[in-house]
N, C-alpha and C. Protein backbone atom coordinates (compact mmCIF):
# COMPACT_ATOMS: atom_id res chain seq x y z
N MET A 1 -9.58 -20.39 14.68
CA MET A 1 -10.56 -20.12 13.47
C MET A 1 -9.85 -19.13 12.63
N ALA A 2 -10.00 -18.99 11.29
CA ALA A 2 -9.59 -18.23 10.21
C ALA A 2 -10.44 -17.27 9.73
N SER A 3 -10.43 -16.33 9.69
CA SER A 3 -11.26 -14.93 9.20
C SER A 3 -11.04 -13.95 8.46
N ILE A 4 -12.11 -13.06 8.25
CA ILE A 4 -11.83 -12.15 7.05
C ILE A 4 -12.39 -10.81 7.82
N GLU A 5 -11.25 -9.98 7.88
CA GLU A 5 -12.01 -8.50 8.37
C GLU A 5 -12.21 -7.46 7.15
N ILE A 6 -12.95 -7.14 7.52
CA ILE A 6 -13.35 -6.06 6.42
C ILE A 6 -13.68 -4.76 7.05
N GLU A 7 -12.76 -3.57 6.54
CA GLU A 7 -13.15 -2.15 6.82
C GLU A 7 -13.47 -1.28 6.22
N ALA A 8 -14.43 -0.47 6.14
CA ALA A 8 -14.64 0.55 5.11
C ALA A 8 -14.97 1.95 5.51
N PHE A 9 -14.74 2.90 4.86
CA PHE A 9 -14.45 4.01 5.32
C PHE A 9 -14.20 5.18 4.00
N GLN A 10 -14.31 6.20 4.10
CA GLN A 10 -13.64 7.50 3.50
C GLN A 10 -12.63 8.13 4.22
N LEU A 11 -11.97 8.89 3.54
CA LEU A 11 -10.78 9.99 3.88
C LEU A 11 -11.23 10.87 4.65
N ALA A 12 -10.75 11.40 5.67
CA ALA A 12 -10.75 12.35 6.41
C ALA A 12 -10.61 13.62 5.46
N SER A 13 -11.25 14.93 5.68
CA SER A 13 -11.09 15.91 4.92
C SER A 13 -9.35 16.42 4.80
N GLY A 14 -9.12 16.74 3.60
CA GLY A 14 -7.68 17.09 3.53
C GLY A 14 -6.39 16.20 3.17
N VAL A 15 -6.82 14.90 3.22
CA VAL A 15 -6.20 13.65 3.21
C VAL A 15 -5.97 13.24 1.76
N THR A 16 -4.83 13.43 1.00
CA THR A 16 -4.82 13.11 -0.19
C THR A 16 -5.11 11.29 -0.71
N ARG A 17 -5.56 11.30 -1.64
CA ARG A 17 -5.30 9.46 -2.24
C ARG A 17 -3.95 9.09 -2.08
N GLU A 18 -3.03 10.04 -2.65
CA GLU A 18 -1.60 9.71 -2.70
C GLU A 18 -1.00 9.45 -1.12
N GLY A 19 -1.07 10.45 -0.47
CA GLY A 19 -0.93 10.45 0.96
C GLY A 19 -1.18 9.44 1.72
N PHE A 20 -2.68 9.05 1.22
CA PHE A 20 -3.07 7.83 2.27
C PHE A 20 -2.58 6.47 2.09
N ILE A 21 -2.19 6.38 0.29
CA ILE A 21 -1.66 5.25 -0.06
C ILE A 21 -0.29 5.06 0.78
N ALA A 22 0.47 6.01 0.87
CA ALA A 22 1.87 5.77 1.31
C ALA A 22 1.81 5.65 2.98
N MET A 23 0.87 5.94 3.63
CA MET A 23 0.73 6.18 5.12
C MET A 23 0.20 4.46 5.29
N ASP A 24 -0.71 4.01 4.60
CA ASP A 24 -1.16 2.78 4.57
C ASP A 24 -0.12 1.64 4.42
N ALA A 25 0.68 2.07 3.36
CA ALA A 25 1.72 0.74 3.45
C ALA A 25 2.60 1.02 4.63
N ILE A 26 2.86 2.00 4.84
CA ILE A 26 3.86 2.40 6.45
C ILE A 26 2.79 1.37 7.58
N TYR A 27 1.69 1.69 7.51
CA TYR A 27 0.70 1.18 8.62
C TYR A 27 0.81 -0.44 8.38
N GLN A 28 0.47 -0.90 7.31
CA GLN A 28 0.93 -2.45 6.93
C GLN A 28 2.19 -3.02 7.41
N GLU A 29 3.19 -2.21 6.87
CA GLU A 29 4.74 -3.04 7.24
C GLU A 29 4.61 -3.07 8.77
N TYR A 30 4.59 -1.67 9.44
CA TYR A 30 4.82 -1.95 10.92
C TYR A 30 3.71 -2.56 11.97
N CYS A 31 2.33 -2.84 11.54
CA CYS A 31 1.28 -3.33 12.23
C CYS A 31 1.03 -4.61 11.85
N TYR A 32 0.98 -4.93 10.73
CA TYR A 32 0.07 -6.10 10.04
C TYR A 32 1.33 -7.27 9.82
N LEU A 33 2.36 -6.83 9.14
CA LEU A 33 3.25 -7.60 8.48
C LEU A 33 4.06 -8.52 9.60
N ASN A 34 4.15 -8.32 10.49
CA ASN A 34 4.75 -8.95 11.80
C ASN A 34 3.76 -9.68 12.47
N GLN A 35 2.72 -10.03 12.52
CA GLN A 35 1.66 -10.50 12.97
C GLN A 35 1.83 -12.16 12.33
N SER A 36 1.73 -12.75 13.34
CA SER A 36 2.46 -14.43 12.82
C SER A 36 0.84 -15.05 12.26
N GLY A 37 -0.52 -14.67 12.53
CA GLY A 37 -1.66 -15.22 12.26
C GLY A 37 -2.42 -14.35 10.60
N LEU A 38 -1.23 -13.40 9.99
CA LEU A 38 -1.70 -12.63 8.85
C LEU A 38 -1.70 -13.68 7.51
N MET A 39 -2.81 -13.85 6.95
CA MET A 39 -2.60 -14.50 5.54
C MET A 39 -2.10 -13.18 4.33
N ARG A 40 -3.12 -12.28 4.48
CA ARG A 40 -2.83 -11.32 3.57
C ARG A 40 -3.82 -10.37 3.84
N ARG A 41 -3.30 -8.79 3.55
CA ARG A 41 -4.28 -7.69 3.26
C ARG A 41 -3.94 -6.86 2.53
N THR A 42 -5.11 -6.42 1.92
CA THR A 42 -5.11 -5.29 0.78
C THR A 42 -6.39 -4.23 0.83
N THR A 43 -5.74 -3.13 0.20
CA THR A 43 -6.36 -2.12 0.24
C THR A 43 -7.00 -1.49 -1.10
N ALA A 44 -8.34 -1.30 -0.97
CA ALA A 44 -8.65 -0.78 -2.49
C ALA A 44 -9.52 -0.03 -2.22
N SER A 45 -9.85 1.01 -3.43
CA SER A 45 -10.79 2.22 -3.58
C SER A 45 -11.55 2.59 -4.60
N SER A 46 -12.77 2.91 -4.39
CA SER A 46 -13.49 3.36 -5.57
C SER A 46 -14.05 4.62 -5.56
N ASP A 47 -13.76 5.80 -6.22
CA ASP A 47 -13.71 7.21 -5.88
C ASP A 47 -13.59 7.31 -4.46
N ASP A 48 -14.44 7.98 -3.83
CA ASP A 48 -14.12 8.43 -2.11
C ASP A 48 -14.28 7.41 -1.28
N ASN A 49 -14.47 6.16 -1.67
CA ASN A 49 -14.65 4.82 -0.58
C ASN A 49 -13.64 4.35 -0.77
N TRP A 50 -13.12 3.66 0.41
CA TRP A 50 -12.13 2.80 0.68
C TRP A 50 -12.64 1.60 1.45
N LEU A 51 -11.72 0.50 1.37
CA LEU A 51 -11.83 -0.75 1.55
C LEU A 51 -10.64 -1.57 2.15
N VAL A 52 -10.59 -1.90 3.18
CA VAL A 52 -9.40 -2.79 3.70
C VAL A 52 -9.85 -4.03 4.00
N VAL A 53 -9.14 -5.20 3.24
CA VAL A 53 -9.83 -6.69 3.60
C VAL A 53 -8.51 -7.53 4.22
N THR A 54 -8.71 -8.02 5.19
CA THR A 54 -7.75 -8.87 5.78
C THR A 54 -7.89 -10.16 6.12
N TRP A 55 -7.13 -11.17 5.59
CA TRP A 55 -7.54 -12.42 5.68
C TRP A 55 -6.61 -12.93 6.99
N TRP A 56 -7.33 -13.58 8.03
CA TRP A 56 -6.34 -14.13 9.15
C TRP A 56 -6.39 -15.58 9.33
N HIS A 57 -5.28 -16.20 9.61
CA HIS A 57 -5.23 -17.54 9.97
C HIS A 57 -6.03 -17.34 11.37
N SER A 58 -5.38 -16.70 12.00
CA SER A 58 -5.73 -16.39 13.45
C SER A 58 -5.59 -15.08 14.07
N PRO A 59 -6.74 -14.07 14.20
CA PRO A 59 -6.32 -12.77 14.44
C PRO A 59 -5.72 -12.57 15.57
N PRO A 60 -5.04 -11.68 15.80
CA PRO A 60 -4.43 -11.27 17.14
C PRO A 60 -5.20 -10.46 17.95
N ALA A 61 -5.27 -10.48 19.41
CA ALA A 61 -6.13 -10.20 20.01
C ALA A 61 -6.49 -8.40 19.91
N GLU A 62 -5.24 -8.16 19.72
CA GLU A 62 -5.15 -6.54 19.35
C GLU A 62 -3.62 -6.08 18.75
N LEU A 63 -4.05 -5.24 17.86
CA LEU A 63 -2.84 -5.09 16.83
C LEU A 63 -1.80 -4.14 17.88
N GLU A 64 -0.69 -4.13 17.72
CA GLU A 64 0.09 -3.35 18.35
C GLU A 64 0.12 -1.72 18.08
N SER A 65 -0.14 -1.14 19.14
CA SER A 65 -0.55 0.32 18.86
C SER A 65 1.26 1.15 18.54
N SER A 66 0.87 2.23 17.68
CA SER A 66 2.13 2.63 17.32
C SER A 66 1.77 4.20 16.58
N SER A 67 2.81 4.74 16.16
CA SER A 67 2.47 5.99 15.65
C SER A 67 1.86 5.92 14.32
N ALA A 68 2.26 4.87 13.60
CA ALA A 68 1.69 4.61 12.19
C ALA A 68 0.15 4.30 12.63
N THR A 69 -0.23 3.32 13.49
CA THR A 69 -1.80 3.25 13.72
C THR A 69 -2.31 4.69 14.09
N THR A 70 -1.87 5.60 14.94
CA THR A 70 -2.30 6.75 15.24
C THR A 70 -2.52 7.40 14.07
N ALA A 71 -1.46 7.75 12.91
CA ALA A 71 -1.80 8.51 11.71
C ALA A 71 -2.66 7.86 10.73
N TRP A 72 -2.70 6.31 10.71
CA TRP A 72 -3.72 6.04 9.97
C TRP A 72 -5.13 6.38 10.39
N ARG A 73 -5.19 6.11 11.84
CA ARG A 73 -6.81 6.53 11.97
C ARG A 73 -7.20 7.71 12.03
N ALA A 74 -6.13 8.91 12.14
CA ALA A 74 -6.49 9.92 11.89
C ALA A 74 -6.80 10.59 10.44
N ALA A 75 -6.22 9.70 9.27
CA ALA A 75 -6.49 10.07 7.97
C ALA A 75 -7.74 9.50 7.70
N ILE A 76 -8.71 8.68 8.64
CA ILE A 76 -10.03 8.33 7.89
C ILE A 76 -10.72 9.29 8.57
N ASP A 77 -12.03 9.11 8.14
CA ASP A 77 -13.33 9.76 8.40
C ASP A 77 -13.80 8.80 9.31
N GLU A 78 -13.62 9.06 10.85
CA GLU A 78 -14.02 8.23 11.63
C GLU A 78 -15.79 7.77 11.54
N SER A 79 -16.58 9.04 11.15
CA SER A 79 -17.98 8.73 10.94
C SER A 79 -18.25 8.02 9.73
N THR A 80 -17.71 7.68 9.08
CA THR A 80 -17.57 6.51 7.91
C THR A 80 -17.20 5.35 7.99
N TYR A 81 -16.34 5.37 9.30
CA TYR A 81 -15.76 3.94 9.33
C TYR A 81 -16.71 2.55 9.91
N ARG A 82 -16.43 1.70 9.39
CA ARG A 82 -17.23 0.63 9.59
C ARG A 82 -16.43 -0.75 9.39
N ARG A 83 -16.32 -1.55 10.20
CA ARG A 83 -15.26 -2.78 10.46
C ARG A 83 -16.37 -4.04 11.00
N LYS A 84 -16.25 -4.94 9.91
CA LYS A 84 -16.79 -6.02 10.34
C LYS A 84 -15.91 -7.52 10.06
N VAL A 85 -15.84 -8.42 10.98
CA VAL A 85 -15.25 -9.64 10.88
C VAL A 85 -15.91 -10.79 10.98
N TYR A 86 -15.71 -11.64 9.42
CA TYR A 86 -16.35 -12.82 9.44
C TYR A 86 -15.41 -14.30 9.32
N GLU A 87 -16.24 -15.29 10.05
CA GLU A 87 -15.54 -16.29 10.50
C GLU A 87 -15.39 -17.16 9.12
N THR A 88 -14.42 -17.82 8.56
CA THR A 88 -14.49 -18.53 7.53
C THR A 88 -15.19 -19.94 7.69
N LEU A 89 -15.87 -20.61 6.45
CA LEU A 89 -16.41 -21.91 6.63
C LEU A 89 -15.74 -23.05 6.40
N GLY A 90 -14.45 -22.92 5.86
CA GLY A 90 -13.83 -23.92 5.38
C GLY A 90 -12.62 -23.63 5.41
């Protein structure tokens, strides 16, 4: 079943907007673009708040772990991280 994944967070202290944007592009390329069930992934921000929305035909059981994953997770403030997955209705 298709789904929409939403991740909301703030950046970790010391991480710049420009640095995160570059890191997110690498993370997307190495961890998402090779996933067969991916429809689209987009990152957005408003002030200090960030949002990643990913549309899946069928989400993978788990994303492949890599140095890009580790760097991306280290760049976000884990205390602000929220993730929710919604099943599409049609």
